[in-house]
Amino acid sequence: MSPPLRIGVVSSGPAEFSTIHVACTDAGHLPVVYFYGRSLRSGGKNLPDAGETTAAVLGAVPPGMDLLLPGSVNGLALALRSYRLDLLIVFGFAWKLPPSVLALPRLGVLNIHVSMLPKYRGPAPLLWAIRNGDPSSGITIHRMDSGFDTGNILAQQDGIRLADDISWTTYCAEAMPVVRELLRTSLDRAVAGDQGEPQDHSRASYAGFMEAAFSVIRWSDSADTIHNQVRTHRFMRSSDAPVAKLGDTWLHIIRTSLEPADGFPVVCGDGRPLWITESAAGRPPEEV
């Protein structure tokens, strides 16, 4: 039996850390350091909920485990060198890591991506799946290379349901057991030196961050489009978007229904009604 790997974990929340930790220890490996990705870009400002998430992550960190909050790629690289890792596992981390960092762990870097690659490469695959009204999504574990989610695939599984009233909590209930099993398979392949299967780049699509205009509802869009726009922002926990103008009033639209429900209907661009079931006072787009 091969000796346990020294593993580092870079992630964005307690559910991700806990899932990876269980998969690693079940496979006989040793996570030695956690890195919390507190910003969307290297050197960028902290996420609005970085303090709250850091506190939650601390609750998921086993006693004696180091938790680091790098602010830049350079800081992350210095820490990786000092831990002499065999493998780095990344989940929910938006930074693009340069080849110099990817080369630091002896067996490379694995990324857990919440889509069936090569579909929805990029930092926001789940948001685009919800926005596009996909009924389900997948999980892919792949080797990181110099591209953005372009590396060889070690394991993947489709069919994770995206509920109409999806939240991160409900998504995790279905997705994290899948992540755990796929990671066990991927760890075995990594230990064996298996490089995985190349992606079909001709089938690739990109899932970037939501554009500013996505925070404003256009009633000329279809009912499905607007409903999924509202679902996406609710999943993102947007505090003041999307907004819509009804008469002379701007509303923050929080929840809608495609079927008759308590609330009031608005006829959309395709002639179908959409019921607004939860809303709040909103601000005009230039103030959002």
Protein backbone atom coordinates (compact mmCIF):
# COMPACT_ATOMS: atom_id res chain seq x y z
CA MET A 1 0.00 0.00 0.00
CA SER A 2 1.34 3.43 -0.95
CA PRO A 3 2.06 5.93 1.85
CA PRO A 4 -0.62 8.56 2.55
CA LEU A 5 -0.49 11.70 0.47
CA ARG A 6 0.11 15.10 2.03
CA ILE A 7 -2.86 17.08 0.68
CA GLY A 8 -3.74 20.76 0.70
CA VAL A 9 -7.30 21.96 0.15
CA VAL A 10 -8.34 25.30 -1.36
CA SER A 11 -12.05 26.02 -1.11
CA SER A 12 -14.80 28.51 -0.37
CA GLY A 13 -16.96 27.10 2.42
CA PRO A 14 -17.44 24.57 5.21
CA ALA A 15 -19.47 22.04 3.17
CA GLU A 16 -16.72 21.86 0.55
CA PHE A 17 -13.95 21.47 3.13
CA SER A 18 -15.80 18.80 5.09
CA THR A 19 -16.62 16.77 1.98
CA ILE A 20 -13.03 16.81 0.74
CA HIS A 21 -11.66 15.98 4.18
CA VAL A 22 -13.90 12.90 4.53
CA ALA A 23 -13.00 11.67 1.03
CA CYS A 24 -9.27 12.08 1.70
CA THR A 25 -9.25 10.42 5.12
CA ASP A 26 -11.48 7.57 3.93
CA ALA A 27 -8.90 6.92 1.22
CA GLY A 28 -6.11 6.91 3.80
CA HIS A 29 -4.64 10.31 2.96
CA LEU A 30 -3.77 13.27 5.15
CA PRO A 31 -5.07 16.81 4.59
CA VAL A 32 -2.46 19.04 6.22
CA VAL A 33 -3.59 22.59 5.39
CA TYR A 34 -6.74 24.42 4.31
CA PHE A 35 -6.75 27.61 2.26
CA TYR A 36 -9.94 29.68 2.23
CA GLY A 37 -10.44 31.64 -1.01
CA ARG A 38 -11.67 34.93 0.42
CA SER A 39 -11.70 36.94 -2.82
CA LEU A 40 -12.79 36.39 -6.41
CA ARG A 41 -9.41 37.43 -7.79
CA SER A 42 -5.82 37.37 -6.62
CA GLY A 43 -5.20 40.66 -4.83
CA GLY A 44 -8.90 41.52 -4.97
CA LYS A 45 -11.12 42.78 -2.18
CA ASN A 46 -12.65 40.33 0.27
CA LEU A 47 -16.03 38.82 -0.56
CA PRO A 48 -18.88 40.51 1.34
CA ASP A 49 -19.44 37.41 3.48
CA ALA A 50 -15.74 36.53 3.92
CA GLY A 51 -15.81 37.11 7.67
CA GLU A 52 -18.95 35.05 8.18
CA THR A 53 -17.64 32.24 5.96
CA THR A 54 -14.25 32.20 7.69
CA ALA A 55 -16.00 31.67 11.01
CA ALA A 56 -18.06 28.84 9.52
CA VAL A 57 -14.97 27.23 7.96
CA LEU A 58 -13.24 27.29 11.35
CA GLY A 59 -16.02 25.05 12.62
CA ALA A 60 -15.18 22.52 9.89
CA VAL A 61 -11.42 22.55 10.47
CA PRO A 62 -10.19 19.57 12.52
CA PRO A 63 -8.14 20.35 15.65
CA GLY A 64 -4.52 21.10 14.82
CA MET A 65 -5.20 21.83 11.15
CA ASP A 66 -3.77 25.04 9.70
CA LEU A 67 -6.21 27.43 8.01
CA LEU A 68 -4.67 30.11 5.80
CA LEU A 69 -6.34 33.02 4.00
CA PRO A 70 -4.02 33.97 1.13
CA GLY A 71 -4.61 37.37 -0.43
CA SER A 72 -2.64 36.78 -3.62
CA VAL A 73 -1.22 34.05 -5.83
CA ASN A 74 2.26 34.90 -4.54
CA GLY A 75 1.19 34.32 -0.94
CA LEU A 76 -0.47 31.05 -1.89
CA ALA A 77 2.69 29.91 -3.70
CA LEU A 78 4.91 30.66 -0.70
CA ALA A 79 2.65 28.63 1.57
CA LEU A 80 2.46 25.71 -0.87
CA ARG A 81 6.25 25.51 -1.01
CA SER A 82 6.52 25.39 2.76
CA TYR A 83 4.01 22.52 3.12
CA ARG A 84 5.74 20.29 0.51
CA LEU A 85 2.43 18.88 -0.68
CA ASP A 86 1.91 15.78 -2.77
CA LEU A 87 -1.43 17.02 -4.08
CA LEU A 88 -3.61 20.13 -3.99
CA ILE A 89 -7.42 19.88 -4.29
CA VAL A 90 -9.40 22.95 -5.34
CA PHE A 91 -13.18 23.42 -5.02
CA GLY A 92 -15.06 26.69 -5.56
CA PHE A 93 -11.96 28.83 -6.02
CA ALA A 94 -12.15 31.46 -8.79
CA TRP A 95 -8.45 32.35 -9.16
CA LYS A 96 -6.64 31.17 -12.27
CA LEU A 97 -3.45 29.52 -11.01
CA PRO A 98 -0.29 30.00 -13.12
CA PRO A 99 1.85 27.01 -14.23
CA SER A 100 4.48 27.91 -11.60
CA VAL A 101 1.92 27.26 -8.84
CA LEU A 102 0.37 24.21 -10.48
CA ALA A 103 3.81 22.59 -10.58
CA LEU A 104 4.42 22.89 -6.82
CA PRO A 105 2.51 19.80 -5.54
CA ARG A 106 4.31 16.60 -6.53
CA LEU A 107 1.23 15.04 -8.17
CA GLY A 108 -0.30 18.26 -9.42
CA VAL A 109 -3.61 19.99 -8.71
CA LEU A 110 -7.15 18.56 -8.94
CA ASN A 111 -10.17 20.80 -9.42
CA ILE A 112 -13.79 19.96 -8.51
CA HIS A 113 -16.02 21.70 -11.04
CA VAL A 114 -19.82 21.81 -10.79
CA SER A 115 -20.66 21.02 -14.42
CA MET A 116 -20.19 18.26 -16.95
CA LEU A 117 -17.04 19.62 -18.55
CA PRO A 118 -16.38 20.82 -21.16
CA LYS A 119 -19.80 22.44 -20.69
CA TYR A 120 -19.77 25.62 -18.57
CA ARG A 121 -16.05 26.15 -18.13
CA GLY A 122 -15.30 29.18 -15.98
CA PRO A 123 -16.02 30.60 -12.52
CA ALA A 124 -19.85 30.44 -12.50
CA PRO A 125 -21.06 27.12 -13.96
CA LEU A 126 -23.92 26.59 -11.53
CA LEU A 127 -25.24 30.12 -12.00
CA TRP A 128 -25.42 29.61 -15.75
CA ALA A 129 -27.12 26.23 -15.35
CA ILE A 130 -29.84 27.89 -13.22
CA ARG A 131 -30.04 30.91 -15.53
CA ASN A 132 -30.51 28.64 -18.55
CA GLY A 133 -33.19 26.60 -16.80
CA ASP A 134 -31.21 23.35 -16.87
CA PRO A 135 -33.12 20.68 -14.90
CA SER A 136 -29.89 19.11 -13.63
CA SER A 137 -26.15 19.61 -13.50
CA GLY A 138 -23.06 17.48 -13.07
CA ILE A 139 -19.77 17.26 -11.19
CA THR A 140 -16.38 16.88 -12.85
CA ILE A 141 -13.00 16.30 -11.21
CA HIS A 142 -10.16 17.17 -13.52
CA ARG A 143 -6.47 17.97 -13.49
CA MET A 144 -5.72 21.66 -13.53
CA ASP A 145 -3.57 22.93 -16.37
CA SER A 146 -2.69 26.38 -17.69
CA GLY A 147 -6.16 26.86 -19.23
CA PHE A 148 -9.45 27.61 -17.48
CA ASP A 149 -11.06 24.22 -16.66
CA THR A 150 -9.41 22.62 -19.70
CA GLY A 151 -7.44 19.82 -18.00
CA ASN A 152 -7.88 16.06 -18.34
CA ILE A 153 -10.92 14.51 -16.64
CA LEU A 154 -10.50 11.94 -13.86
CA ALA A 155 -14.16 11.41 -12.91
CA GLN A 156 -17.56 12.95 -13.57
CA GLN A 157 -21.26 12.30 -12.98
CA ASP A 158 -24.38 13.97 -14.33
CA GLY A 159 -27.94 14.11 -13.03
CA ILE A 160 -27.78 16.32 -9.92
CA ARG A 161 -31.22 17.93 -9.72
CA LEU A 162 -31.52 21.72 -9.77
CA ALA A 163 -34.73 22.31 -7.84
CA ASP A 164 -36.96 25.23 -8.79
CA ASP A 165 -36.38 26.80 -5.36
CA ILE A 166 -32.70 25.86 -5.31
CA SER A 167 -30.37 27.12 -2.58
CA TRP A 168 -26.77 26.24 -1.80
CA THR A 169 -27.97 24.13 1.13
CA THR A 170 -30.42 22.07 -0.93
CA TYR A 171 -27.89 21.70 -3.75
CA CYS A 172 -25.19 20.46 -1.34
CA ALA A 173 -27.52 17.80 0.05
CA GLU A 174 -27.51 16.10 -3.37
CA ALA A 175 -24.12 17.17 -4.73
CA MET A 176 -21.70 16.56 -1.86
CA PRO A 177 -22.18 12.76 -1.65
CA VAL A 178 -21.42 12.66 -5.39
CA VAL A 179 -18.32 14.83 -4.91
CA ARG A 180 -17.11 12.51 -2.17
CA GLU A 181 -17.37 9.37 -4.31
CA LEU A 182 -15.88 10.99 -7.41
CA LEU A 183 -12.97 12.32 -5.35
CA ARG A 184 -12.24 8.85 -3.97
CA THR A 185 -11.96 7.57 -7.56
CA SER A 186 -9.83 10.54 -8.59
CA LEU A 187 -7.43 10.13 -5.66
CA ASP A 188 -6.84 6.49 -6.62
CA ARG A 189 -6.13 7.53 -10.21
CA ALA A 190 -3.80 10.34 -9.10
CA VAL A 191 -1.80 8.00 -6.85
CA ALA A 192 -1.41 5.60 -9.79
CA GLY A 193 -0.07 8.41 -11.98
CA ASP A 194 -3.13 8.31 -14.23
CA GLN A 195 -3.38 11.54 -16.21
CA GLY A 196 -7.08 11.16 -17.09
CA GLU A 197 -8.95 11.62 -20.36
CA PRO A 198 -8.64 14.76 -22.54
CA GLN A 199 -11.70 16.95 -22.90
CA ASP A 200 -13.45 17.44 -26.23
CA HIS A 201 -12.62 21.13 -26.64
CA SER A 202 -14.99 21.46 -29.62
CA ARG A 203 -17.93 21.05 -27.19
CA ALA A 204 -16.76 23.67 -24.70
CA SER A 205 -18.86 26.57 -23.42
CA TYR A 206 -17.92 29.32 -20.99
CA ALA A 207 -19.70 30.37 -17.78
CA GLY A 208 -18.42 33.75 -16.65
CA PHE A 209 -19.64 36.06 -13.92
CA MET A 210 -23.08 37.63 -14.36
CA GLU A 211 -23.07 40.88 -16.32
CA ALA A 212 -24.38 44.12 -14.79
CA ALA A 213 -27.47 44.14 -17.01
CA PHE A 214 -28.55 40.81 -15.51
CA SER A 215 -29.60 42.69 -12.37
CA VAL A 216 -32.46 44.38 -14.23
CA ILE A 217 -35.61 42.53 -15.35
CA ARG A 218 -36.97 43.27 -18.81
CA TRP A 219 -40.67 42.40 -19.04
CA SER A 220 -40.17 41.90 -22.80
CA ASP A 221 -38.26 38.68 -21.99
CA SER A 222 -40.10 35.37 -21.70
CA ALA A 223 -41.65 34.24 -18.42
CA ASP A 224 -39.14 31.38 -18.18
CA THR A 225 -36.19 33.73 -18.73
CA ILE A 226 -37.33 36.12 -15.99
CA HIS A 227 -38.20 33.31 -13.58
CA ASN A 228 -34.72 31.83 -13.99
CA GLN A 229 -33.17 35.28 -13.61
CA VAL A 230 -34.92 35.61 -10.24
CA ARG A 231 -33.88 32.05 -9.25
CA THR A 232 -30.25 32.80 -10.11
CA HIS A 233 -30.13 35.95 -8.01
CA ARG A 234 -31.83 34.20 -5.09
CA PHE A 235 -29.24 31.41 -5.30
CA MET A 236 -26.53 34.12 -5.31
CA ARG A 237 -28.18 35.67 -2.22
CA SER A 238 -28.27 39.04 -3.99
CA SER A 239 -29.39 41.65 -1.49
CA ASP A 240 -30.95 44.10 -3.96
CA ALA A 241 -31.29 42.40 -7.36
CA PRO A 242 -32.90 41.76 -9.71
CA VAL A 243 -35.04 44.87 -9.90
CA ALA A 244 -38.04 45.55 -12.11
CA LYS A 245 -40.18 48.59 -12.82
CA LEU A 246 -43.94 48.21 -12.41
CA GLY A 247 -45.72 51.43 -13.29
CA ASP A 248 -43.71 54.12 -11.57
CA THR A 249 -42.37 51.81 -8.85
CA TRP A 250 -39.11 49.86 -8.74
CA LEU A 251 -39.24 46.50 -6.95
CA HIS A 252 -36.61 44.03 -5.88
CA ILE A 253 -38.11 40.75 -7.14
CA ILE A 254 -37.24 37.93 -4.73
CA ARG A 255 -39.48 35.05 -5.76
CA THR A 256 -41.71 34.25 -8.73
CA SER A 257 -43.89 31.38 -9.93
CA LEU A 258 -44.70 30.15 -13.42
CA GLU A 259 -47.94 28.69 -12.08
CA PRO A 260 -50.84 30.56 -10.44
CA ALA A 261 -49.81 31.44 -6.89
CA ASP A 262 -50.44 33.95 -4.11
CA GLY A 263 -49.16 37.24 -5.44
CA PHE A 264 -49.85 39.23 -8.60
CA PRO A 265 -49.28 38.27 -12.25
CA VAL A 266 -47.35 40.24 -14.85
CA VAL A 267 -47.65 39.38 -18.54
CA CYS A 268 -44.20 38.81 -20.05
CA GLY A 269 -42.86 39.18 -23.57
CA ASP A 270 -44.02 35.74 -24.68
CA GLY A 271 -47.59 36.49 -23.60
CA ARG A 272 -47.41 34.26 -20.52
CA PRO A 273 -48.04 35.51 -16.97
CA LEU A 274 -45.44 35.32 -14.23
CA TRP A 275 -46.64 35.56 -10.64
CA ILE A 276 -44.56 37.76 -8.31
CA THR A 277 -44.88 36.03 -4.94
CA GLU A 278 -42.24 37.90 -2.93
CA SER A 279 -40.78 41.34 -3.45
CA ALA A 280 -39.39 44.37 -1.63
CA ALA A 281 -38.82 48.03 -2.34
CA GLY A 282 -36.17 48.36 -5.01
CA ARG A 283 -33.83 51.01 -6.36
CA PRO A 284 -33.41 52.15 -9.96
CA PRO A 285 -30.63 50.30 -11.86
CA GLU A 286 -28.08 53.11 -11.63
CA GLU A 287 -28.26 52.78 -7.83
CA VAL A 288 -28.09 48.98 -7.66
